[in-house]
């Protein structure tokens, strides 16, 4: 693991018409919770490629519902790059607000 930073990182998200008026809001994710946020905690799920944002939005449907593709430019000072998470066992992460899922098996582990 290592700490890295990003400057002007382009990211994308396709918003439903309901949330297109508030592209910085993570309220939609807060209603149900998600992969990286618990219910009640706002989060924006972003993609590094426009095609990935479209695929995430489409969710396997043969039809693409109406939506607004939004681009974001992110500056991230401290990013924990986890390309070397252990295949088994756990790691220790300081999570004072308790925002991370407790079940580390849901965390991304790259294929060996």
Foldseek 3Di string as FASTA:
>chain_A
DDKDWDFFQKKKAWADPVCPVPLPWQVVCLCPPDLQFHRNDGDDDIHSDQVVNQCVQCVPPPDRDDTDMDMDTDTGRTDDDPQPAPPDDHDDDDDPVPRGDPPCVSPDHDDD
